[in-house]
Structures are given as structure tokens and as C-alpha cells.
N, C-alpha and C. Protein backbone atom coordinates (compact mmCIF):
# COMPACT_ATOMS: atom_id res chain seq x y z
N UNK A 1 22.82 32.30 35.02
CA UNK A 1 22.72 30.48 35.73
C UNK A 1 21.22 30.28 37.09
N UNK A 2 21.16 31.75 37.56
CA UNK A 2 20.34 31.64 38.29
C UNK A 2 19.12 31.27 37.62
N UNK A 3 18.44 30.98 36.38
CA UNK A 3 17.15 30.21 36.10
C UNK A 3 17.02 29.41 36.12
N UNK A 4 18.41 28.26 35.58
CA UNK A 4 18.29 26.82 35.61
C UNK A 4 18.47 25.96 36.71
N UNK A 5 18.20 27.06 38.11
CA UNK A 5 17.99 26.76 39.38
C UNK A 5 16.44 26.43 39.71
N UNK A 6 15.71 27.41 39.45
CA UNK A 6 14.06 27.02 39.20
C UNK A 6 14.06 26.67 38.23
N UNK A 7 14.31 25.48 37.33
CA UNK A 7 13.51 24.57 36.83
C UNK A 7 13.37 23.28 37.44
N UNK A 8 11.61 22.72 37.25
CA UNK A 8 11.87 21.51 37.91
C UNK A 8 12.19 20.36 36.88
N UNK A 9 12.40 19.46 37.30
CA UNK A 9 12.90 18.33 35.40
C UNK A 9 11.77 17.66 35.51
N UNK A 10 11.09 17.48 36.45
CA UNK A 10 9.25 16.99 36.31
C UNK A 10 8.29 17.47 35.53
N UNK A 11 9.00 19.11 35.44
CA UNK A 11 8.01 19.44 34.53
C UNK A 11 8.38 19.80 33.18
N UNK A 12 9.73 18.65 32.71
CA UNK A 12 9.86 18.93 31.32
C UNK A 12 9.65 17.71 31.16
N UNK A 13 9.42 16.24 31.45
CA UNK A 13 9.09 15.17 31.15
C UNK A 13 8.06 15.06 30.13
N UNK A 14 6.71 15.34 30.52
CA UNK A 14 5.99 15.55 28.93
C UNK A 14 6.30 16.19 28.08
N UNK A 15 7.30 17.19 28.01
CA UNK A 15 7.53 17.81 26.65
C UNK A 15 8.72 16.89 25.89
N UNK A 16 9.75 15.74 26.72
CA UNK A 16 10.22 15.37 26.53
C UNK A 16 9.50 13.83 25.76
N UNK A 17 8.10 13.43 26.71
CA UNK A 17 7.76 12.47 25.92
C UNK A 17 6.84 12.76 24.29
N UNK A 18 6.40 13.99 24.31
CA UNK A 18 5.70 14.22 23.54
C UNK A 18 6.56 14.90 21.99
N UNK A 19 7.98 15.37 22.01
CA UNK A 19 9.33 15.10 21.44
C UNK A 19 9.24 13.65 20.93
N UNK A 20 9.66 12.88 21.93
CA UNK A 20 9.88 11.71 21.19
C UNK A 20 8.84 10.76 19.91
N UNK A 21 7.45 10.97 20.84
CA UNK A 21 5.94 10.74 20.08
C UNK A 21 6.25 11.54 18.90
N UNK A 22 6.63 12.70 18.61
CA UNK A 22 6.41 12.83 17.30
C UNK A 22 7.71 12.77 16.81
N UNK A 23 8.72 12.10 16.74
CA UNK A 23 9.88 12.02 16.14
C UNK A 23 9.61 10.31 15.54
N UNK A 24 8.93 9.86 16.47
CA UNK A 24 9.04 8.49 15.95
C UNK A 24 7.64 8.21 14.95
N UNK A 25 6.58 9.00 14.60
CA UNK A 25 5.64 9.30 13.63
C UNK A 25 6.37 8.67 12.67
N UNK A 26 6.35 8.05 11.76
CA UNK A 26 6.38 7.35 10.16
C UNK A 26 5.89 8.78 9.26
N UNK A 27 6.52 9.21 8.46
CA UNK A 27 6.63 10.49 7.43
C UNK A 27 4.99 9.83 6.32
N UNK A 28 4.59 10.60 7.04
CA UNK A 28 3.31 10.55 5.41
C UNK A 28 3.54 10.84 3.96
N UNK A 29 2.59 9.73 3.22
CA UNK A 29 3.56 10.14 1.57
C UNK A 29 2.32 11.41 1.55
N UNK A 30 3.12 12.17 0.65
CA UNK A 30 2.13 12.81 -0.30
C UNK A 30 0.92 12.43 -0.60
N UNK A 31 -0.04 13.68 -0.60
CA UNK A 31 -1.12 13.49 -1.27
C UNK A 31 -1.30 14.16 -2.67
N UNK A 32 -0.59 14.58 -3.08
CA UNK A 32 -0.11 15.25 -4.49
C UNK A 32 1.16 15.04 -4.91
N UNK A 33 0.88 13.95 -6.50
CA UNK A 33 2.17 13.72 -6.58
C UNK A 33 2.57 14.74 -8.16
N UNK A 34 1.97 15.95 -8.02
CA UNK A 34 2.31 16.60 -8.85
C UNK A 34 1.55 16.78 -10.24
N UNK A 35 0.79 15.72 -10.28
CA UNK A 35 0.42 15.62 -11.66
C UNK A 35 -1.13 16.88 -11.54
N UNK A 36 -1.23 17.18 -12.56
CA UNK A 36 -2.93 18.33 -13.06
C UNK A 36 -3.97 18.02 -13.31
N UNK A 37 -4.64 18.06 -12.22
CA UNK A 37 -6.09 17.76 -12.58
C UNK A 37 -6.88 16.72 -13.13
N UNK A 38 -6.74 16.05 -14.46
CA UNK A 38 -7.61 15.18 -14.62
C UNK A 38 -6.62 14.11 -14.59
N UNK A 39 -5.50 14.45 -15.10
CA UNK A 39 -4.28 13.17 -14.88
C UNK A 39 -4.57 12.52 -13.24
N UNK A 40 -4.12 14.09 -12.44
CA UNK A 40 -4.19 13.56 -10.55
C UNK A 40 -5.38 12.52 -9.97
N UNK A 41 -6.45 12.93 -11.17
CA UNK A 41 -7.79 12.23 -10.71
C UNK A 41 -7.51 10.31 -10.80
N UNK A 42 -7.40 10.50 -12.31
CA UNK A 42 -7.42 9.11 -13.25
C UNK A 42 -6.36 8.52 -11.99
N UNK A 43 -4.86 8.97 -11.83
CA UNK A 43 -3.89 8.46 -11.24
C UNK A 43 -4.43 8.01 -9.61
N UNK A 44 -5.34 9.11 -9.36
CA UNK A 44 -5.35 8.42 -7.95
C UNK A 44 -6.70 7.74 -7.48
N UNK A 45 -7.20 7.42 -8.62
CA UNK A 45 -8.64 6.85 -8.91
C UNK A 45 -8.46 5.61 -9.15
N UNK A 46 -6.63 4.70 -10.09
CA UNK A 46 -6.63 3.95 -10.10
C UNK A 46 -5.67 3.35 -9.08
N UNK A 47 -5.51 4.29 -7.91
CA UNK A 47 -4.47 3.65 -6.80
C UNK A 47 -5.43 2.92 -5.83
N UNK A 48 -5.01 2.56 -4.00
CA UNK A 48 -5.23 1.83 -3.87
C UNK A 48 -7.11 2.05 -2.80
N UNK A 49 -8.24 1.36 -2.29
CA UNK A 49 -8.62 1.66 -1.55
C UNK A 49 -8.43 2.97 -0.67
N UNK A 50 -7.73 2.48 0.04
CA UNK A 50 -7.34 3.33 1.30
C UNK A 50 -6.83 4.41 0.72
N UNK A 51 -6.05 4.91 -0.01
CA UNK A 51 -5.19 5.94 -0.66
C UNK A 51 -6.41 7.25 -1.38
N UNK A 52 -7.66 6.45 -1.86
CA UNK A 52 -8.45 7.22 -2.54
C UNK A 52 -9.12 7.27 -1.37
N UNK A 53 -9.69 6.92 0.04
CA UNK A 53 -10.65 7.33 0.90
C UNK A 53 -9.51 8.62 2.17
N UNK A 54 -8.58 8.26 1.28
CA UNK A 54 -7.27 9.68 2.62
C UNK A 54 -7.29 10.53 1.89
N UNK A 55 -7.83 10.75 0.64
CA UNK A 55 -7.35 11.71 -0.42
C UNK A 55 -8.85 12.36 0.22
N UNK A 56 -9.79 11.97 -1.12
CA UNK A 56 -11.43 11.95 -0.79
C UNK A 56 -12.09 12.38 0.21
N UNK A 57 -11.91 11.39 1.23
CA UNK A 57 -12.54 11.10 2.60
C UNK A 57 -13.64 10.62 2.33
N UNK A 58 -13.57 9.37 1.09
CA UNK A 58 -15.28 9.16 0.79
C UNK A 58 -14.82 7.62 0.21
N UNK A 59 -15.63 6.90 0.15
CA UNK A 59 -15.33 5.32 -1.00
C UNK A 59 -15.11 5.89 -2.32
N UNK A 60 -14.42 5.41 -2.98
CA UNK A 60 -14.63 5.57 -4.26
C UNK A 60 -15.88 5.67 -5.34
N UNK A 61 -17.22 4.42 -5.07
CA UNK A 61 -17.89 4.22 -5.42
C UNK A 61 -18.99 5.67 -5.00
N UNK A 62 -18.74 6.05 -4.25
CA UNK A 62 -19.14 7.38 -3.62
C UNK A 62 -18.87 8.57 -4.53
N UNK A 63 -17.46 8.99 -4.73
CA UNK A 63 -17.25 9.82 -5.17
C UNK A 63 -17.44 9.74 -6.81
N UNK A 64 -17.29 8.44 -7.33
CA UNK A 64 -18.25 8.45 -8.41
C UNK A 64 -19.84 8.94 -8.74
N UNK A 65 -20.26 8.30 -7.63
CA UNK A 65 -21.64 8.66 -8.05
C UNK A 65 -21.69 10.22 -7.88
N UNK A 66 -21.15 10.84 -6.93
CA UNK A 66 -21.41 12.45 -6.61
C UNK A 66 -21.03 12.96 -8.17
N UNK A 67 -19.96 12.39 -8.71
CA UNK A 67 -19.77 13.01 -9.74
C UNK A 67 -20.99 13.00 -11.39
N UNK A 68 -21.36 11.67 -10.85
CA UNK A 68 -22.78 11.63 -11.64
C UNK A 68 -23.43 12.31 -11.63
N UNK A 69 -24.11 12.92 -10.54
CA UNK A 69 -24.90 13.71 -9.76
C UNK A 69 -24.68 15.11 -9.99
N UNK A 70 -23.52 15.26 -9.93
CA UNK A 70 -22.96 16.55 -10.33
C UNK A 70 -23.21 16.93 -12.29
N UNK A 71 -23.25 16.00 -12.74
CA UNK A 71 -23.13 15.89 -14.25
C UNK A 71 -24.35 16.70 -14.41
N UNK A 72 -25.78 15.18 -13.90
CA UNK A 72 -26.92 15.48 -14.52
C UNK A 72 -27.55 16.31 -13.81
N UNK A 73 -27.30 17.24 -12.35
CA UNK A 73 -28.20 17.96 -11.75
C UNK A 73 -27.47 19.63 -11.66
N UNK A 74 -25.70 19.44 -12.09
CA UNK A 74 -25.34 20.84 -11.76
C UNK A 74 -24.25 21.30 -12.61
N UNK A 75 -24.73 20.44 -13.95
CA UNK A 75 -23.93 20.64 -15.26
C UNK A 75 -22.60 20.62 -15.15
N UNK A 76 -22.10 19.98 -14.34
CA UNK A 76 -20.55 19.44 -14.62
C UNK A 76 -20.40 18.76 -16.00
N UNK A 77 -19.10 19.26 -16.11
CA UNK A 77 -18.81 18.55 -17.19
C UNK A 77 -17.64 17.25 -17.10
N UNK A 78 -17.20 16.26 -17.89
CA UNK A 78 -16.79 15.09 -17.42
C UNK A 78 -15.53 15.29 -17.45
N UNK A 79 -14.91 16.39 -18.07
CA UNK A 79 -13.58 16.96 -18.02
C UNK A 79 -13.26 17.68 -16.68
């Protein structure tokens, strides 16, 4: 019981606030839908612009350009 006497309630306020903020955050949608390889990529590229950017961290057009460049210069197969 003596350990509770030394606790300053003002020291706990930041922890309580952080817990409340963390609990109020909306749950994020999973980035992976469980599909494999090409099926997942097709599904992703047919989704919203924001979803594509959230997963790839680039615009769809940039990703397509990168794929084309890698096919021409790096031997990437379109599969």
C-alpha cells in the first residue's frame, strides 16, 4: 500500500490522454486482401487513387511508368 502514496496524479495525466487518443483512432483497413501476386496487384490498381498511394507510396501512373522502365531496362517480366 505504501507504493500508492508516492504516486503523483499529475504524472498520470499524459498517460491517460495518450491512451484515450490511441483508443479513439479509427481502425485501418488491411492493405493485403489475401490475394496472391498478380491478382492482388490487379485488385489494387483497380481500387481508389488514395488506396493505391497508401500501399505503393506513389501515384498509379508513376508505378506503371516504373514497371515499363523495368521491363525495358531490367528484364522485368509482365507477369
